[in-house]
Amino acid sequence: MKNAISIRNVEALHLYESGKLDEIQILLLFGGLIESGLINQINPSYRETANELIKAGFLNFDGSLTQKCYEKQ
């Protein structure tokens, strides 16, 4: 099934909710959710977080990391 949420994504979201992901892992998680289109199929609060990451300049609209992410490292 195309764009179905995987066990891996569920586990990553659980780790995110538990505060166990670092900043880069969070950006990669949300970038992957945006890129796959899953961001529109899960809880709207995740979409809001993704939008905030885009507005803050950490993610592009396609889910890719911006230059700002690399500068932060």
PDB file of N, CA and C in Angstrom:
ATOM      1  N   MET A   1       0.845  -1.172   0.000  1.00  0.00           N
ATOM      2  CA  MET A   1       0.000   0.000   0.000  1.00  0.00           C
ATOM      3  C   MET A   1       0.892   1.237   0.000  1.00  0.00           C
ATOM      4  N   LYS A   2       0.668   2.106  -0.973  1.00  0.00           N
ATOM      5  CA  LYS A   2       1.481   3.310  -1.105  1.00  0.00           C
ATOM      6  C   LYS A   2       1.190   4.281   0.036  1.00  0.00           C
ATOM      7  N   ASN A   3       2.239   4.860   0.577  1.00  0.00           N
ATOM      8  CA  ASN A   3       2.146   5.864   1.639  1.00  0.00           C
ATOM      9  C   ASN A   3       1.502   5.353   2.923  1.00  0.00           C
ATOM     10  N   ALA A   4       1.542   4.060   3.135  1.00  0.00           N
ATOM     11  CA  ALA A   4       1.026   3.515   4.399  1.00  0.00           C
ATOM     12  C   ALA A   4       2.063   3.753   5.480  1.00  0.00           C
ATOM     13  N   ILE A   5       1.596   4.092   6.652  1.00  0.00           N
ATOM     14  CA  ILE A   5       2.536   4.322   7.745  1.00  0.00           C
ATOM     15  C   ILE A   5       3.128   2.989   8.161  1.00  0.00           C
ATOM     16  N   SER A   6       4.435   2.960   8.274  1.00  0.00           N
ATOM     17  CA  SER A   6       5.136   1.720   8.596  1.00  0.00           C
ATOM     18  C   SER A   6       5.381   1.615  10.097  1.00  0.00           C
ATOM     19  N   ILE A   7       5.726   0.416  10.511  1.00  0.00           N
ATOM     20  CA  ILE A   7       6.088   0.193  11.911  1.00  0.00           C
ATOM     21  C   ILE A   7       7.257   1.104  12.273  1.00  0.00           C
ATOM     22  N   ARG A   8       8.179   1.270  11.358  1.00  0.00           N
ATOM     23  CA  ARG A   8       9.344   2.128  11.597  1.00  0.00           C
ATOM     24  C   ARG A   8       8.913   3.563  11.893  1.00  0.00           C
ATOM     25  N   ASN A   9       7.946   4.073  11.112  1.00  0.00           N
ATOM     26  CA  ASN A   9       7.451   5.431  11.358  1.00  0.00           C
ATOM     27  C   ASN A   9       6.720   5.518  12.684  1.00  0.00           C
ATOM     28  N   VAL A  10       5.939   4.501  13.013  1.00  0.00           N
ATOM     29  CA  VAL A  10       5.222   4.487  14.292  1.00  0.00           C
ATOM     30  C   VAL A  10       6.227   4.514  15.439  1.00  0.00           C
ATOM     31  N   GLU A  11       7.275   3.713  15.327  1.00  0.00           N
ATOM     32  CA  GLU A  11       8.312   3.684  16.365  1.00  0.00           C
ATOM     33  C   GLU A  11       9.010   5.042  16.467  1.00  0.00           C
ATOM     34  N   ALA A  12       9.308   5.655  15.328  1.00  0.00           N
ATOM     35  CA  ALA A  12       9.978   6.957  15.331  1.00  0.00           C
ATOM     36  C   ALA A  12       9.076   8.022  15.957  1.00  0.00           C
ATOM     37  N   LEU A  13       7.789   7.979  15.653  1.00  0.00           N
ATOM     38  CA  LEU A  13       6.867   8.941  16.260  1.00  0.00           C
ATOM     39  C   LEU A  13       6.764   8.719  17.768  1.00  0.00           C
ATOM     40  N   HIS A  14       6.793   7.472  18.185  1.00  0.00           N
ATOM     41  CA  HIS A  14       6.774   7.179  19.624  1.00  0.00           C
ATOM     42  C   HIS A  14       8.032   7.734  20.302  1.00  0.00           C
ATOM     43  N   LEU A  15       9.185   7.527  19.685  1.00  0.00           N
ATOM     44  CA  LEU A  15      10.431   8.072  20.230  1.00  0.00           C
ATOM     45  C   LEU A  15      10.389   9.592  20.275  1.00  0.00           C
ATOM     46  N   TYR A  16       9.818  10.197  19.238  1.00  0.00           N
ATOM     47  CA  TYR A  16       9.665  11.656  19.205  1.00  0.00           C
ATOM     48  C   TYR A  16       8.791  12.110  20.370  1.00  0.00           C
ATOM     49  N   GLU A  17       7.652  11.468  20.536  1.00  0.00           N
ATOM     50  CA  GLU A  17       6.727  11.837  21.614  1.00  0.00           C
ATOM     51  C   GLU A  17       7.358  11.627  22.994  1.00  0.00           C
ATOM     52  N   SER A  18       8.264  10.659  23.091  1.00  0.00           N
ATOM     53  CA  SER A  18       8.937  10.357  24.362  1.00  0.00           C
ATOM     54  C   SER A  18      10.138  11.256  24.615  1.00  0.00           C
ATOM     55  N   GLY A  19      10.456  12.126  23.652  1.00  0.00           N
ATOM     56  CA  GLY A  19      11.593  13.026  23.805  1.00  0.00           C
ATOM     57  C   GLY A  19      12.933  12.354  23.637  1.00  0.00           C
ATOM     58  N   LYS A  20      12.958  11.241  22.905  1.00  0.00           N
ATOM     59  CA  LYS A  20      14.197  10.470  22.768  1.00  0.00           C
ATOM     60  C   LYS A  20      14.921  10.685  21.444  1.00  0.00           C
ATOM     61  N   LEU A  21      14.473  11.635  20.643  1.00  0.00           N
ATOM     62  CA  LEU A  21      15.155  11.929  19.389  1.00  0.00           C
ATOM     63  C   LEU A  21      15.917  13.242  19.524  1.00  0.00           C
ATOM     64  N   ASP A  22      17.091  13.299  18.909  1.00  0.00           N
ATOM     65  CA  ASP A  22      17.821  14.570  18.900  1.00  0.00           C
ATOM     66  C   ASP A  22      17.270  15.449  17.769  1.00  0.00           C
ATOM     67  N   GLU A  23      17.786  16.648  17.666  1.00  0.00           N
ATOM     68  CA  GLU A  23      17.258  17.612  16.698  1.00  0.00           C
ATOM     69  C   GLU A  23      17.328  17.109  15.264  1.00  0.00           C
ATOM     70  N   ILE A  24      18.441  16.536  14.886  1.00  0.00           N
ATOM     71  CA  ILE A  24      18.591  16.040  13.509  1.00  0.00           C
ATOM     72  C   ILE A  24      17.637  14.883  13.252  1.00  0.00           C
ATOM     73  N   GLN A  25      17.482  13.983  14.204  1.00  0.00           N
ATOM     74  CA  GLN A  25      16.544  12.869  14.042  1.00  0.00           C
ATOM     75  C   GLN A  25      15.117  13.377  13.877  1.00  0.00           C
ATOM     76  N   ILE A  26      14.764  14.418  14.603  1.00  0.00           N
ATOM     77  CA  ILE A  26      13.434  15.006  14.479  1.00  0.00           C
ATOM     78  C   ILE A  26      13.243  15.590  13.081  1.00  0.00           C
ATOM     79  N   LEU A  27      14.246  16.299  12.603  1.00  0.00           N
ATOM     80  CA  LEU A  27      14.153  16.884  11.269  1.00  0.00           C
ATOM     81  C   LEU A  27      14.060  15.809  10.201  1.00  0.00           C
ATOM     82  N   LEU A  28      14.820  14.741  10.354  1.00  0.00           N
ATOM     83  CA  LEU A  28      14.758  13.647   9.383  1.00  0.00           C
ATOM     84  C   LEU A  28      13.402  12.946   9.427  1.00  0.00           C
ATOM     85  N   LEU A  29      12.865  12.771  10.625  1.00  0.00           N
ATOM     86  CA  LEU A  29      11.540  12.159  10.765  1.00  0.00           C
ATOM     87  C   LEU A  29      10.490  13.000  10.045  1.00  0.00           C
ATOM     88  N   PHE A  30      10.430  14.278  10.370  1.00  0.00           N
ATOM     89  CA  PHE A  30       9.408  15.125   9.764  1.00  0.00           C
ATOM     90  C   PHE A  30       9.656  15.328   8.275  1.00  0.00           C
ATOM     91  N   GLY A  31      10.916  15.407   7.873  1.00  0.00           N
ATOM     92  CA  GLY A  31      11.225  15.495   6.449  1.00  0.00           C
ATOM     93  C   GLY A  31      10.729  14.276   5.693  1.00  0.00           C
ATOM     94  N   GLY A  32      10.926  13.099   6.273  1.00  0.00           N
ATOM     95  CA  GLY A  32      10.455  11.866   5.640  1.00  0.00           C
ATOM     96  C   GLY A  32       8.940  11.793   5.575  1.00  0.00           C
ATOM     97  N   LEU A  33       8.279  12.266   6.625  1.00  0.00           N
ATOM     98  CA  LEU A  33       6.814  12.277   6.625  1.00  0.00           C
ATOM     99  C   LEU A  33       6.274  13.223   5.560  1.00  0.00           C
ATOM    100  N   ILE A  34       6.937  14.367   5.385  1.00  0.00           N
ATOM    101  CA  ILE A  34       6.528  15.318   4.347  1.00  0.00           C
ATOM    102  C   ILE A  34       6.772  14.712   2.971  1.00  0.00           C
ATOM    103  N   GLU A  35       7.979  14.200   2.763  1.00  0.00           N
ATOM    104  CA  GLU A  35       8.356  13.667   1.453  1.00  0.00           C
ATOM    105  C   GLU A  35       7.430  12.546   1.003  1.00  0.00           C
ATOM    106  N   SER A  36       7.037  11.684   1.938  1.00  0.00           N
ATOM    107  CA  SER A  36       6.194  10.538   1.593  1.00  0.00           C
ATOM    108  C   SER A  36       4.709  10.902   1.486  1.00  0.00           C
ATOM    109  N   GLY A  37       4.342  12.077   1.974  1.00  0.00           N
ATOM    110  CA  GLY A  37       2.946  12.472   1.979  1.00  0.00           C
ATOM    111  C   GLY A  37       2.185  11.993   3.203  1.00  0.00           C
ATOM    112  N   LEU A  38       2.838  11.222   4.047  1.00  0.00           N
ATOM    113  CA  LEU A  38       2.183  10.700   5.247  1.00  0.00           C
ATOM    114  C   LEU A  38       1.794  11.793   6.227  1.00  0.00           C
ATOM    115  N   ILE A  39       2.461  12.917   6.163  1.00  0.00           N
ATOM    116  CA  ILE A  39       2.184  14.013   7.092  1.00  0.00           C
ATOM    117  C   ILE A  39       0.717  14.424   7.008  1.00  0.00           C
ATOM    118  N   ASN A  40       0.103  14.234   5.843  1.00  0.00           N
ATOM    119  CA  ASN A  40      -1.301  14.610   5.650  1.00  0.00           C
ATOM    120  C   ASN A  40      -2.273  13.517   6.080  1.00  0.00           C
ATOM    121  N   GLN A  41      -1.754  12.367   6.484  1.00  0.00           N
ATOM    122  CA  GLN A  41      -2.609  11.238   6.835  1.00  0.00           C
ATOM    123  C   GLN A  41      -2.594  10.918   8.329  1.00  0.00           C
ATOM    124  N   ILE A  42      -1.771  11.629   9.084  1.00  0.00           N
ATOM    125  CA  ILE A  42      -1.665  11.342  10.514  1.00  0.00           C
ATOM    126  C   ILE A  42      -2.169  12.533  11.314  1.00  0.00           C
ATOM    127  N   ASN A  43      -2.069  12.444  12.599  1.00  0.00           N
ATOM    128  CA  ASN A  43      -2.572  13.474  13.510  1.00  0.00           C
ATOM    129  C   ASN A  43      -2.175  14.875  13.036  1.00  0.00           C
ATOM    130  N   PRO A  44      -3.133  15.788  12.947  1.00  0.00           N
ATOM    131  CA  PRO A  44      -2.841  17.151  12.482  1.00  0.00           C
ATOM    132  C   PRO A  44      -1.776  17.885  13.300  1.00  0.00           C
ATOM    133  N   SER A  45      -1.554  17.502  14.534  1.00  0.00           N
ATOM    134  CA  SER A  45      -0.526  18.181  15.331  1.00  0.00           C
ATOM    135  C   SER A  45       0.861  17.962  14.728  1.00  0.00           C
ATOM    136  N   TYR A  46       1.069  16.823  14.079  1.00  0.00           N
ATOM    137  CA  TYR A  46       2.356  16.578  13.418  1.00  0.00           C
ATOM    138  C   TYR A  46       2.511  17.491  12.207  1.00  0.00           C
ATOM    139  N   ARG A  47       1.413  17.715  11.494  1.00  0.00           N
ATOM    140  CA  ARG A  47       1.455  18.626  10.346  1.00  0.00           C
ATOM    141  C   ARG A  47       1.783  20.037  10.823  1.00  0.00           C
ATOM    142  N   GLU A  48       1.232  20.427  11.952  1.00  0.00           N
ATOM    143  CA  GLU A  48       1.537  21.748  12.515  1.00  0.00           C
ATOM    144  C   GLU A  48       3.020  21.861  12.863  1.00  0.00           C
ATOM    145  N   THR A  49       3.571  20.795  13.448  1.00  0.00           N
ATOM    146  CA  THR A  49       5.003  20.800  13.775  1.00  0.00           C
ATOM    147  C   THR A  49       5.826  20.895  12.504  1.00  0.00           C
ATOM    148  N   ALA A  50       5.449  20.142  11.485  1.00  0.00           N
ATOM    149  CA  ALA A  50       6.166  20.184  10.207  1.00  0.00           C
ATOM    150  C   ALA A  50       6.120  21.593   9.623  1.00  0.00           C
ATOM    151  N   ASN A  51       4.960  22.223   9.680  1.00  0.00           N
ATOM    152  CA  ASN A  51       4.836  23.591   9.167  1.00  0.00           C
ATOM    153  C   ASN A  51       5.722  24.559   9.943  1.00  0.00           C
ATOM    154  N   GLU A  52       5.818  24.376  11.236  1.00  0.00           N
ATOM    155  CA  GLU A  52       6.695  25.230  12.048  1.00  0.00           C
ATOM    156  C   GLU A  52       8.164  25.026  11.672  1.00  0.00           C
ATOM    157  N   LEU A  53       8.542  23.792  11.405  1.00  0.00           N
ATOM    158  CA  LEU A  53       9.929  23.509  10.991  1.00  0.00           C
ATOM    159  C   LEU A  53      10.230  24.134   9.639  1.00  0.00           C
ATOM    160  N   ILE A  54       9.229  24.155   8.766  1.00  0.00           N
ATOM    161  CA  ILE A  54       9.397  24.816   7.463  1.00  0.00           C
ATOM    162  C   ILE A  54       9.508  26.325   7.667  1.00  0.00           C
ATOM    163  N   LYS A  55       8.615  26.896   8.439  1.00  0.00           N
ATOM    164  CA  LYS A  55       8.641  28.344   8.692  1.00  0.00           C
ATOM    165  C   LYS A  55       9.938  28.781   9.355  1.00  0.00           C
ATOM    166  N   ALA A  56      10.487  27.930  10.223  1.00  0.00           N
ATOM    167  CA  ALA A  56      11.732  28.261  10.919  1.00  0.00           C
ATOM    168  C   ALA A  56      12.947  28.107  10.013  1.00  0.00           C
ATOM    169  N   GLY A  57      12.744  27.547   8.821  1.00  0.00           N
ATOM    170  CA  GLY A  57      13.835  27.435   7.861  1.00  0.00           C
ATOM    171  C   GLY A  57      14.664  26.181   7.980  1.00  0.00           C
ATOM    172  N   PHE A  58      14.164  25.159   8.697  1.00  0.00           N
ATOM    173  CA  PHE A  58      14.921  23.917   8.835  1.00  0.00           C
ATOM    174  C   PHE A  58      14.574  22.884   7.778  1.00  0.00           C
ATOM    175  N   LEU A  59      13.345  22.948   7.256  1.00  0.00           N
ATOM    176  CA  LEU A  59      12.907  22.011   6.222  1.00  0.00           C
ATOM    177  C   LEU A  59      12.362  22.789   5.036  1.00  0.00           C
ATOM    178  N   ASN A  60      12.557  22.213   3.842  1.00  0.00           N
ATOM    179  CA  ASN A  60      11.935  22.742   2.635  1.00  0.00           C
ATOM    180  C   ASN A  60      10.547  22.135   2.503  1.00  0.00           C
ATOM    181  N   PHE A  61       9.730  22.692   1.615  1.00  0.00           N
ATOM    182  CA  PHE A  61       8.375  22.189   1.422  1.00  0.00           C
ATOM    183  C   PHE A  61       8.333  20.746   0.936  1.00  0.00           C
ATOM    184  N   ASP A  62       9.418  20.282   0.315  1.00  0.00           N
ATOM    185  CA  ASP A  62       9.460  18.891  -0.153  1.00  0.00           C
ATOM    186  C   ASP A  62       9.981  17.928   0.919  1.00  0.00           C
ATOM    187  N   GLY A  63      10.318  18.451   2.100  1.00  0.00           N
ATOM    188  CA  GLY A  63      10.801  17.618   3.196  1.00  0.00           C
ATOM    189  C   GLY A  63      12.309  17.554   3.312  1.00  0.00           C
ATOM    190  N   SER A  64      13.016  18.107   2.347  1.00  0.00           N
ATOM    191  CA  SER A  64      14.481  18.076   2.417  1.00  0.00           C
ATOM    192  C   SER A  64      14.979  19.070   3.472  1.00  0.00           C
ATOM    193  N   LEU A  65      16.139  18.767   4.014  1.00  0.00           N
ATOM    194  CA  LEU A  65      16.764  19.648   4.999  1.00  0.00           C
ATOM    195  C   LEU A  65      17.307  20.887   4.302  1.00  0.00           C
ATOM    196  N   THR A  66      17.226  22.011   4.969  1.00  0.00           N
ATOM    197  CA  THR A  66      17.759  23.244   4.401  1.00  0.00           C
ATOM    198  C   THR A  66      19.226  23.410   4.807  1.00  0.00           C
ATOM    199  N   GLN A  67      19.863  24.371   4.220  1.00  0.00           N
ATOM    200  CA  GLN A  67      21.247  24.683   4.569  1.00  0.00           C
ATOM    201  C   GLN A  67      21.366  25.049   6.041  1.00  0.00           C
ATOM    202  N   LYS A  68      20.333  25.641   6.596  1.00  0.00           N
ATOM    203  CA  LYS A  68      20.325  26.051   8.004  1.00  0.00           C
ATOM    204  C   LYS A  68      20.593  24.860   8.921  1.00  0.00           C
ATOM    205  N   CYS A  69      20.116  23.694   8.552  1.00  0.00           N
ATOM    206  CA  CYS A  69      20.345  22.480   9.355  1.00  0.00           C
ATOM    207  C   CYS A  69      21.825  22.131   9.405  1.00  0.00           C
ATOM    208  N   TYR A  70      22.466  22.245   8.272  1.00  0.00           N
ATOM    209  CA  TYR A  70      23.875  21.882   8.204  1.00  0.00           C
ATOM    210  C   TYR A  70      24.743  22.902   8.929  1.00  0.00           C
ATOM    211  N   GLU A  71      24.338  24.138   8.904  1.00  0.00           N
ATOM    212  CA  GLU A  71      25.080  25.190   9.607  1.00  0.00           C
ATOM    213  C   GLU A  71      24.958  25.017  11.117  1.00  0.00           C
ATOM    214  N   LYS A  72      23.831  24.486  11.559  1.00  0.00           N
ATOM    215  CA  LYS A  72      23.578  24.312  12.996  1.00  0.00           C
ATOM    216  C   LYS A  72      24.504  23.254  13.594  1.00  0.00           C
ATOM    217  N   GLN A  73      24.893  22.271  12.789  1.00  0.00           N
ATOM    218  CA  GLN A  73      25.757  21.193  13.272  1.00  0.00           C
ATOM    219  C   GLN A  73      27.084  21.766  13.566  1.00  0.00           C
TER     220      GLN A  73
END
